[in-house]
C-alpha atoms as a PDB file:
ATOM      1  CA  UNK A   1     -33.884  12.820  69.658  1.00  0.00           C
ATOM      2  CA  UNK A   2     -32.274  16.106  70.036  1.00  0.00           C
ATOM      3  CA  UNK A   3     -31.429  17.134  73.584  1.00  0.00           C
ATOM      4  CA  UNK A   4     -33.184  20.582  73.323  1.00  0.00           C
ATOM      5  CA  UNK A   5     -36.512  21.591  72.208  1.00  0.00           C
ATOM      6  CA  UNK A   6     -36.966  23.543  69.013  1.00  0.00           C
ATOM      7  CA  UNK A   7     -37.786  26.891  71.219  1.00  0.00           C
ATOM      8  CA  UNK A   8     -34.493  26.331  73.199  1.00  0.00           C
ATOM      9  CA  UNK A   9     -32.559  25.543  69.748  1.00  0.00           C
ATOM     10  CA  UNK A  10     -34.351  29.079  68.443  1.00  0.00           C
ATOM     11  CA  UNK A  11     -32.971  30.868  71.681  1.00  0.00           C
ATOM     12  CA  UNK A  12     -29.471  29.352  71.334  1.00  0.00           C
ATOM     13  CA  UNK A  13     -28.963  30.273  67.601  1.00  0.00           C
ATOM     14  CA  UNK A  14     -30.273  33.601  68.182  1.00  0.00           C
ATOM     15  CA  UNK A  15     -27.871  34.245  71.036  1.00  0.00           C
ATOM     16  CA  UNK A  16     -24.937  32.639  69.220  1.00  0.00           C
ATOM     17  CA  UNK A  17     -25.624  35.037  66.342  1.00  0.00           C
ATOM     18  CA  UNK A  18     -25.206  38.287  68.875  1.00  0.00           C
ATOM     19  CA  UNK A  19     -21.945  36.960  70.101  1.00  0.00           C
ATOM     20  CA  UNK A  20     -18.211  38.219  68.845  1.00  0.00           C
ATOM     21  CA  UNK A  21     -16.284  35.610  66.906  1.00  0.00           C
ATOM     22  CA  UNK A  22     -14.423  34.784  70.109  1.00  0.00           C
ATOM     23  CA  UNK A  23     -17.344  34.481  72.134  1.00  0.00           C
ATOM     24  CA  UNK A  24     -19.184  32.235  69.579  1.00  0.00           C
ATOM     25  CA  UNK A  25     -16.636  29.805  69.617  1.00  0.00           C
ATOM     26  CA  UNK A  26     -16.218  29.485  73.465  1.00  0.00           C
ATOM     27  CA  UNK A  27     -20.104  29.513  73.796  1.00  0.00           C
ATOM     28  CA  UNK A  28     -20.321  26.422  71.407  1.00  0.00           C
ATOM     29  CA  UNK A  29     -17.526  24.636  73.200  1.00  0.00           C
ATOM     30  CA  UNK A  30     -19.476  25.185  76.430  1.00  0.00           C
ATOM     31  CA  UNK A  31     -22.547  23.866  75.206  1.00  0.00           C
ATOM     32  CA  UNK A  32     -20.832  21.066  73.288  1.00  0.00           C
ATOM     33  CA  UNK A  33     -19.049  19.837  76.705  1.00  0.00           C
ATOM     34  CA  UNK A  34     -22.510  20.013  78.396  1.00  0.00           C
ATOM     35  CA  UNK A  35     -23.665  17.248  76.078  1.00  0.00           C
ATOM     36  CA  UNK A  36     -20.543  14.845  76.185  1.00  0.00           C
ATOM     37  CA  UNK A  37     -20.075  12.296  73.392  1.00  0.00           C
ATOM     38  CA  UNK A  38     -21.640  13.726  70.078  1.00  0.00           C
ATOM     39  CA  UNK A  39     -22.017  17.245  71.590  1.00  0.00           C
ATOM     40  CA  UNK A  40     -19.781  18.766  69.131  1.00  0.00           C
ATOM     41  CA  UNK A  41     -21.486  17.404  66.004  1.00  0.00           C
ATOM     42  CA  UNK A  42     -24.969  18.404  67.273  1.00  0.00           C
ATOM     43  CA  UNK A  43     -24.018  21.843  68.294  1.00  0.00           C
ATOM     44  CA  UNK A  44     -22.142  22.518  64.887  1.00  0.00           C
ATOM     45  CA  UNK A  45     -25.033  21.425  63.078  1.00  0.00           C
ATOM     46  CA  UNK A  46     -27.397  23.563  65.195  1.00  0.00           C
ATOM     47  CA  UNK A  47     -25.426  26.789  65.360  1.00  0.00           C
ATOM     48  CA  UNK A  48     -23.921  26.188  61.653  1.00  0.00           C
ATOM     49  CA  UNK A  49     -20.354  26.511  62.637  1.00  0.00           C
ATOM     50  CA  UNK A  50     -17.182  23.982  62.098  1.00  0.00           C
ATOM     51  CA  UNK A  51     -16.369  21.329  64.618  1.00  0.00           C
ATOM     52  CA  UNK A  52     -12.711  22.793  64.597  1.00  0.00           C
ATOM     53  CA  UNK A  53     -14.057  25.873  65.743  1.00  0.00           C
ATOM     54  CA  UNK A  54     -15.645  24.251  68.700  1.00  0.00           C
ATOM     55  CA  UNK A  55     -12.267  22.435  69.190  1.00  0.00           C
ATOM     56  CA  UNK A  56     -10.578  25.621  69.253  1.00  0.00           C
ATOM     57  CA  UNK A  57     -13.078  27.074  71.913  1.00  0.00           C
ATOM     58  CA  UNK A  58     -12.502  23.963  73.820  1.00  0.00           C
ATOM     59  CA  UNK A  59      -8.765  24.626  73.817  1.00  0.00           C
ATOM     60  CA  UNK A  60      -9.318  28.227  74.903  1.00  0.00           C
ATOM     61  CA  UNK A  61     -11.484  27.356  77.868  1.00  0.00           C
ATOM     62  CA  UNK A  62      -8.788  25.220  79.180  1.00  0.00           C
ATOM     63  CA  UNK A  63      -6.019  27.849  78.731  1.00  0.00           C
ATOM     64  CA  UNK A  64      -6.046  30.846  81.321  1.00  0.00           C
ATOM     65  CA  UNK A  65      -4.116  33.087  78.885  1.00  0.00           C
ATOM     66  CA  UNK A  66      -6.413  32.792  76.478  1.00  0.00           C
ATOM     67  CA  UNK A  67      -9.557  33.632  78.455  1.00  0.00           C
ATOM     68  CA  UNK A  68      -7.543  36.707  79.427  1.00  0.00           C
ATOM     69  CA  UNK A  69      -7.318  37.675  75.701  1.00  0.00           C
ATOM     70  CA  UNK A  70      -9.216  41.042  75.076  1.00  0.00           C
ATOM     71  CA  UNK A  71      -8.758  40.905  71.267  1.00  0.00           C
ATOM     72  CA  UNK A  72     -11.387  39.061  69.042  1.00  0.00           C
ATOM     73  CA  UNK A  73      -8.872  38.030  66.591  1.00  0.00           C
ATOM     74  CA  UNK A  74      -4.859  37.221  66.744  1.00  0.00           C
ATOM     75  CA  UNK A  75      -2.764  40.226  66.041  1.00  0.00           C
ATOM     76  CA  UNK A  76      -1.451  40.266  62.689  1.00  0.00           C
ATOM     77  CA  UNK A  77      -4.778  39.288  60.984  1.00  0.00           C
ATOM     78  CA  UNK A  78      -6.031  40.973  57.887  1.00  0.00           C
ATOM     79  CA  UNK A  79      -4.342  42.240  54.874  1.00  0.00           C
ATOM     80  CA  UNK A  80      -0.999  43.473  54.899  1.00  0.00           C
ATOM     81  CA  UNK A  81      -0.126  47.175  54.436  1.00  0.00           C
ATOM     82  CA  UNK A  82       0.662  48.535  50.776  1.00  0.00           C
ATOM     83  CA  UNK A  83       3.788  49.897  52.262  1.00  0.00           C
ATOM     84  CA  UNK A  84       4.897  46.230  53.086  1.00  0.00           C
ATOM     85  CA  UNK A  85       3.454  44.492  49.842  1.00  0.00           C
ATOM     86  CA  UNK A  86       4.526  47.071  46.954  1.00  0.00           C
ATOM     87  CA  UNK A  87       8.208  47.350  46.413  1.00  0.00           C
ATOM     88  CA  UNK A  88       9.454  50.844  45.768  1.00  0.00           C
ATOM     89  CA  UNK A  89       6.206  52.501  46.526  1.00  0.00           C
ATOM     90  CA  UNK A  90       7.759  55.402  48.407  1.00  0.00           C
ATOM     91  CA  UNK A  91      10.334  55.882  45.882  1.00  0.00           C
ATOM     92  CA  UNK A  92       7.835  56.133  42.999  1.00  0.00           C
ATOM     93  CA  UNK A  93       5.755  58.290  44.988  1.00  0.00           C
ATOM     94  CA  UNK A  94       8.587  60.839  45.704  1.00  0.00           C
ATOM     95  CA  UNK A  95       9.524  60.822  42.091  1.00  0.00           C
ATOM     96  CA  UNK A  96       5.864  61.313  41.081  1.00  0.00           C
ATOM     97  CA  UNK A  97       5.911  64.480  43.185  1.00  0.00           C
ATOM     98  CA  UNK A  98       9.228  65.791  42.682  1.00  0.00           C
ATOM     99  CA  UNK A  99       8.302  68.587  39.992  1.00  0.00           C
ATOM    100  CA  UNK A 100       5.004  69.130  41.505  1.00  0.00           C
ATOM    101  CA  UNK A 101       6.150  69.961  45.108  1.00  0.00           C
ATOM    102  CA  UNK A 102       5.763  73.523  46.576  1.00  0.00           C
ATOM    103  CA  UNK A 103       6.546  74.615  50.119  1.00  0.00           C
ATOM    104  CA  UNK A 104       6.251  77.778  52.688  1.00  0.00           C
ATOM    105  CA  UNK A 105       9.142  80.256  52.240  1.00  0.00           C
ATOM    106  CA  UNK A 106       8.290  80.904  56.037  1.00  0.00           C
ATOM    107  CA  UNK A 107       8.395  77.236  57.194  1.00  0.00           C
ATOM    108  CA  UNK A 108      10.699  74.793  55.196  1.00  0.00           C
ATOM    109  CA  UNK A 109       8.985  71.775  56.690  1.00  0.00           C
ATOM    110  CA  UNK A 110       5.475  72.844  55.353  1.00  0.00           C
ATOM    111  CA  UNK A 111       5.022  71.595  51.754  1.00  0.00           C
ATOM    112  CA  UNK A 112       2.177  70.874  49.361  1.00  0.00           C
ATOM    113  CA  UNK A 113       1.715  69.524  46.183  1.00  0.00           C
ATOM    114  CA  UNK A 114      -0.755  70.779  43.125  1.00  0.00           C
ATOM    115  CA  UNK A 115      -1.429  67.222  42.086  1.00  0.00           C
ATOM    116  CA  UNK A 116      -4.779  65.755  43.463  1.00  0.00           C
ATOM    117  CA  UNK A 117      -4.889  62.589  45.039  1.00  0.00           C
ATOM    118  CA  UNK A 118      -6.565  60.799  41.912  1.00  0.00           C
ATOM    119  CA  UNK A 119      -3.753  62.356  39.640  1.00  0.00           C
ATOM    120  CA  UNK A 120      -1.075  61.038  42.168  1.00  0.00           C
ATOM    121  CA  UNK A 121      -2.601  57.283  41.823  1.00  0.00           C
ATOM    122  CA  UNK A 122      -2.827  57.746  38.220  1.00  0.00           C
ATOM    123  CA  UNK A 123       0.688  58.522  37.635  1.00  0.00           C
ATOM    124  CA  UNK A 124       1.897  55.664  39.975  1.00  0.00           C
ATOM    125  CA  UNK A 125       0.107  53.795  37.214  1.00  0.00           C
ATOM    126  CA  UNK A 126       3.146  54.612  35.179  1.00  0.00           C
ATOM    127  CA  UNK A 127       5.335  53.002  37.615  1.00  0.00           C
ATOM    128  CA  UNK A 128       3.229  49.522  37.429  1.00  0.00           C
ATOM    129  CA  UNK A 129       2.050  50.694  41.212  1.00  0.00           C
ATOM    130  CA  UNK A 130      -1.910  50.344  41.602  1.00  0.00           C
ATOM    131  CA  UNK A 131      -3.136  52.112  44.731  1.00  0.00           C
ATOM    132  CA  UNK A 132      -6.374  53.936  46.043  1.00  0.00           C
ATOM    133  CA  UNK A 133      -6.470  57.424  47.128  1.00  0.00           C
ATOM    134  CA  UNK A 134      -6.719  56.162  50.761  1.00  0.00           C
ATOM    135  CA  UNK A 135      -3.028  54.891  50.396  1.00  0.00           C
ATOM    136  CA  UNK A 136      -2.141  58.285  48.752  1.00  0.00           C
ATOM    137  CA  UNK A 137      -3.386  60.215  51.949  1.00  0.00           C
ATOM    138  CA  UNK A 138      -1.178  57.889  53.835  1.00  0.00           C
ATOM    139  CA  UNK A 139       1.886  58.501  51.970  1.00  0.00           C
ATOM    140  CA  UNK A 140       1.218  62.315  51.865  1.00  0.00           C
ATOM    141  CA  UNK A 141       0.735  62.264  55.700  1.00  0.00           C
ATOM    142  CA  UNK A 142       4.064  60.174  55.928  1.00  0.00           C
ATOM    143  CA  UNK A 143       5.998  62.300  53.923  1.00  0.00           C
ATOM    144  CA  UNK A 144       4.659  65.540  55.743  1.00  0.00           C
ATOM    145  CA  UNK A 145       2.424  67.013  52.925  1.00  0.00           C
ATOM    146  CA  UNK A 146      -0.200  69.191  54.323  1.00  0.00           C
ATOM    147  CA  UNK A 147      -3.320  70.220  52.693  1.00  0.00           C
ATOM    148  CA  UNK A 148      -3.708  73.665  51.375  1.00  0.00           C
ATOM    149  CA  UNK A 149      -6.684  75.856  52.088  1.00  0.00           C
ATOM    150  CA  UNK A 150      -9.434  76.189  49.388  1.00  0.00           C
ATOM    151  CA  UNK A 151      -8.199  77.919  46.350  1.00  0.00           C
ATOM    152  CA  UNK A 152     -10.513  79.437  43.352  1.00  0.00           C
ATOM    153  CA  UNK A 153     -10.068  77.013  40.370  1.00  0.00           C
ATOM    154  CA  UNK A 154     -11.549  79.518  37.683  1.00  0.00           C
ATOM    155  CA  UNK A 155      -8.488  81.467  36.424  1.00  0.00           C
ATOM    156  CA  UNK A 156      -9.350  85.082  35.667  1.00  0.00           C
ATOM    157  CA  UNK A 157      -7.239  84.748  32.275  1.00  0.00           C
ATOM    158  CA  UNK A 158      -5.719  82.244  30.397  1.00  0.00           C
ATOM    159  CA  UNK A 159      -2.132  82.223  29.334  1.00  0.00           C
ATOM    160  CA  UNK A 160      -1.079  79.846  26.320  1.00  0.00           C
ATOM    161  CA  UNK A 161       2.331  79.935  27.874  1.00  0.00           C
ATOM    162  CA  UNK A 162       1.705  78.589  31.256  1.00  0.00           C
ATOM    163  CA  UNK A 163       2.430  74.995  31.013  1.00  0.00           C
ATOM    164  CA  UNK A 164       5.661  75.994  29.174  1.00  0.00           C
ATOM    165  CA  UNK A 165       6.755  78.092  32.026  1.00  0.00           C
ATOM    166  CA  UNK A 166       6.422  75.162  34.453  1.00  0.00           C
ATOM    167  CA  UNK A 167       8.063  72.617  31.812  1.00  0.00           C
ATOM    168  CA  UNK A 168      11.143  75.340  31.542  1.00  0.00           C
ATOM    169  CA  UNK A 169      11.482  75.703  35.249  1.00  0.00           C
ATOM    170  CA  UNK A 170      11.297  71.649  35.675  1.00  0.00           C
ATOM    171  CA  UNK A 171      14.035  71.597  33.060  1.00  0.00           C
ATOM    172  CA  UNK A 172      16.066  74.154  34.515  1.00  0.00           C
ATOM    173  CA  UNK A 173      16.169  72.764  38.019  1.00  0.00           C
ATOM    174  CA  UNK A 174      17.228  69.294  36.418  1.00  0.00           C
ATOM    175  CA  UNK A 175      20.109  71.156  34.721  1.00  0.00           C
ATOM    176  CA  UNK A 176      21.353  73.038  37.887  1.00  0.00           C
ATOM    177  CA  UNK A 177      20.844  70.171  40.101  1.00  0.00           C
ATOM    178  CA  UNK A 178      23.208  68.074  37.763  1.00  0.00           C
ATOM    179  CA  UNK A 179      26.088  70.784  37.868  1.00  0.00           C
ATOM    180  CA  UNK A 180      25.766  71.275  41.504  1.00  0.00           C
ATOM    181  CA  UNK A 181      24.570  74.756  41.437  1.00  0.00           C
ATOM    182  CA  UNK A 182      22.279  76.122  44.011  1.00  0.00           C
ATOM    183  CA  UNK A 183      18.524  76.148  43.162  1.00  0.00           C
ATOM    184  CA  UNK A 184      16.446  79.155  44.526  1.00  0.00           C
ATOM    185  CA  UNK A 185      12.795  79.326  44.281  1.00  0.00           C
ATOM    186  CA  UNK A 186      11.023  82.539  44.353  1.00  0.00           C
ATOM    187  CA  UNK A 187       7.072  83.061  44.386  1.00  0.00           C
ATOM    188  CA  UNK A 188       6.069  86.531  43.014  1.00  0.00           C
ATOM    189  CA  UNK A 189       3.096  87.960  42.544  1.00  0.00           C
ATOM    190  CA  UNK A 190       1.897  90.726  39.636  1.00  0.00           C
ATOM    191  CA  UNK A 191       1.506  93.967  41.377  1.00  0.00           C
ATOM    192  CA  UNK A 192      -1.342  96.143  39.725  1.00  0.00           C
END
């Protein structure tokens, strides 16, 4: 015969499900200790937890340091950061942005890119790196890129030579860098 009535068992299960992971194992351990021999098996069955969880709770109850613990789980749990796992992530990221980075002529530390987060993630696929736009956000922030204010996306006039201009600039930039010549970027606007 079970030590508790069905009403008490129902209350125990309801209370157990309202607790955090840390408090669940400690509550289960207290209940198992109250019952003595066979208590761990009964409580594990009643609450739907593992007997090893109850054993861990019993260990924590006898350890004053563990009782002072404020975290629910031990530090270092969870999936490791993409920065730690993916070799060459930052170098590939910087290489992707190399020809797509602009900056403020007034403030040298302010820079931005004309690529969207999705475009950056897609270009990293060429380097065999699969990341989400969230990781792209983290990379942009880490390397000092800022968000630009909203811009109009519709062009007033299409130029068939627009892409050729940027391709030529990127080619010239590489040529001058290879010969150790200075590279100066000047942003101009057409005056009407």
